[in-house]
Amino acid sequence: QVQLVESGGGLVQAGGSLRLSCLASGSIFSTNPMAWYRQAPGKQRDLVATITSGGVTIYKDSVKGRFTISRDNSKNMVYLQMNNLKPEDTAVYYCAPGWALMSDFAYWGQGTQVTVSS
């Protein structure tokens, strides 16, 4: 069974920071690059950041320099450190394989809500 459990979201003022965590099942974690996605109200789910098993990262342009994705392969954990948060970062954040938006991925977790006030 594939399971993804996100945590760490909350309410923060603009300019603040949050650290999101995701616990993934061992099978999906070890065989996939992992990524963070977000979905704001009225918008499609969007790829935010991706990390390979070896630590190579890519980021959505709007979060470069502010967000850092990392992973701990021994713990099946992936993290997203978010600094200098902006109101436009408000969304539900999800952890999933890097290919999730390109395939019929059916194991999205509950997500974690990030709300940035101005």
Protein backbone atom coordinates (compact mmCIF):
# COMPACT_ATOMS: atom_id res chain seq x y z
CA GLN A 1 0.00 0.00 0.00
CA VAL A 2 1.29 3.44 -0.97
CA GLN A 3 0.90 6.05 1.75
CA LEU A 4 1.97 9.69 1.89
CA VAL A 5 1.48 11.74 5.04
CA GLU A 6 2.20 15.46 4.96
CA SER A 7 2.55 17.70 8.00
CA GLY A 8 3.96 21.03 9.12
CA GLY A 9 1.58 23.47 7.50
CA GLY A 10 -0.06 26.33 9.30
CA LEU A 11 -0.84 30.01 9.36
CA VAL A 12 2.08 32.38 9.01
CA GLN A 13 2.54 36.06 8.22
CA ALA A 14 4.24 37.17 5.03
CA GLY A 15 7.99 36.91 5.39
CA GLY A 16 7.77 34.02 7.80
CA SER A 17 8.94 30.43 7.46
CA LEU A 18 7.54 26.93 7.65
CA ARG A 19 9.07 23.48 7.32
CA LEU A 20 6.88 20.80 5.75
CA SER A 21 7.49 17.09 6.24
CA CYS A 22 6.30 14.06 4.32
CA LEU A 23 6.50 10.44 5.37
CA ALA A 24 6.30 8.13 2.36
CA SER A 25 5.96 4.39 2.08
CA GLY A 26 9.30 2.72 1.59
CA SER A 27 8.59 1.26 -1.84
CA ILE A 28 7.47 4.47 -3.50
CA PHE A 29 10.16 6.53 -1.78
CA SER A 30 13.07 4.34 -2.80
CA THR A 31 12.05 3.95 -6.46
CA ASN A 32 11.06 7.51 -7.32
CA PRO A 33 12.26 11.04 -7.31
CA MET A 34 10.05 12.84 -4.82
CA ALA A 35 8.35 16.17 -5.19
CA TRP A 36 6.22 18.76 -3.48
CA TYR A 37 3.09 20.04 -5.21
CA ARG A 38 0.60 22.70 -4.24
CA GLN A 39 -2.96 23.55 -5.12
CA ALA A 40 -4.46 26.94 -4.42
CA PRO A 41 -8.23 27.56 -4.46
CA GLY A 42 -9.51 27.68 -8.03
CA LYS A 43 -6.17 26.58 -9.49
CA GLN A 44 -4.73 23.32 -10.76
CA ARG A 45 -2.22 21.34 -8.75
CA ASP A 46 1.26 22.59 -9.59
CA LEU A 47 4.76 21.18 -9.20
CA VAL A 48 6.82 23.17 -6.69
CA ALA A 49 10.08 21.25 -6.20
CA THR A 50 11.61 17.89 -7.06
CA ILE A 51 14.50 15.94 -5.57
CA THR A 52 16.15 12.78 -6.88
CA SER A 53 17.40 9.98 -4.67
CA GLY A 54 20.88 11.46 -5.07
CA GLY A 55 19.85 14.93 -3.97
CA VAL A 56 19.59 16.75 -7.30
CA THR A 57 16.87 19.41 -7.06
CA ILE A 58 14.71 21.51 -9.35
CA TYR A 59 12.31 24.30 -8.39
CA LYS A 60 9.39 26.24 -9.72
CA ASP A 61 10.71 29.65 -10.75
CA SER A 62 8.58 31.56 -8.27
CA VAL A 63 10.04 29.72 -5.26
CA LYS A 64 13.71 29.67 -6.25
CA GLY A 65 15.87 31.16 -3.54
CA ARG A 66 13.09 30.83 -0.97
CA PHE A 67 12.26 27.10 -0.80
CA THR A 68 14.60 24.15 -0.25
CA ILE A 69 13.59 20.54 -0.80
CA SER A 70 15.53 17.77 0.94
CA ARG A 71 15.17 14.09 1.76
CA ASP A 72 16.36 11.52 4.25
CA ASN A 73 16.44 8.19 2.47
CA SER A 74 17.04 6.24 5.68
CA LYS A 75 13.80 7.61 7.17
CA ASN A 76 11.64 7.74 4.02
CA MET A 77 11.15 11.45 4.66
CA VAL A 78 11.09 14.43 2.34
CA TYR A 79 11.05 18.03 3.54
CA LEU A 80 10.30 21.46 2.20
CA GLN A 81 11.84 24.41 3.99
CA MET A 82 9.91 27.53 3.02
CA ASN A 83 11.38 30.94 3.82
CA ASN A 84 10.20 34.46 3.06
CA LEU A 85 6.68 33.21 2.48
CA LYS A 86 4.32 35.29 0.37
CA PRO A 87 0.51 35.36 0.25
CA GLU A 88 0.63 33.74 -3.19
CA ASP A 89 2.23 30.67 -1.56
CA THR A 90 -1.09 29.95 0.14
CA ALA A 91 -2.20 26.48 -0.93
CA VAL A 92 -2.57 22.89 0.13
CA TYR A 93 0.83 21.25 -0.22
CA TYR A 94 1.23 17.60 -1.22
CA CYS A 95 4.13 15.19 -1.39
CA ALA A 96 4.13 12.66 -4.24
CA PRO A 97 6.42 11.04 -6.84
CA GLY A 98 7.93 13.42 -9.35
CA TRP A 99 5.83 11.98 -12.17
CA ALA A 100 2.49 12.26 -10.37
CA LEU A 101 1.04 14.97 -12.61
CA MET A 102 2.01 13.08 -15.77
CA SER A 103 0.38 9.79 -14.78
CA ASP A 104 -2.87 8.65 -13.21
CA PHE A 105 -1.49 8.80 -9.68
CA ALA A 106 -4.14 7.66 -7.24
CA TYR A 107 -2.42 7.83 -3.85
CA TRP A 108 -2.34 11.53 -2.98
CA GLY A 109 -2.15 12.17 0.73
CA GLN A 110 -4.35 14.53 2.66
CA GLY A 111 -1.98 17.43 2.09
CA THR A 112 -1.11 20.14 4.56
CA GLN A 113 -2.58 23.64 4.44
CA VAL A 114 -0.23 26.60 4.23
CA THR A 115 -1.85 29.99 4.71
CA VAL A 116 0.22 33.16 4.40
CA SER A 117 -1.38 36.37 5.57
CA SER A 118 -0.36 39.84 4.48
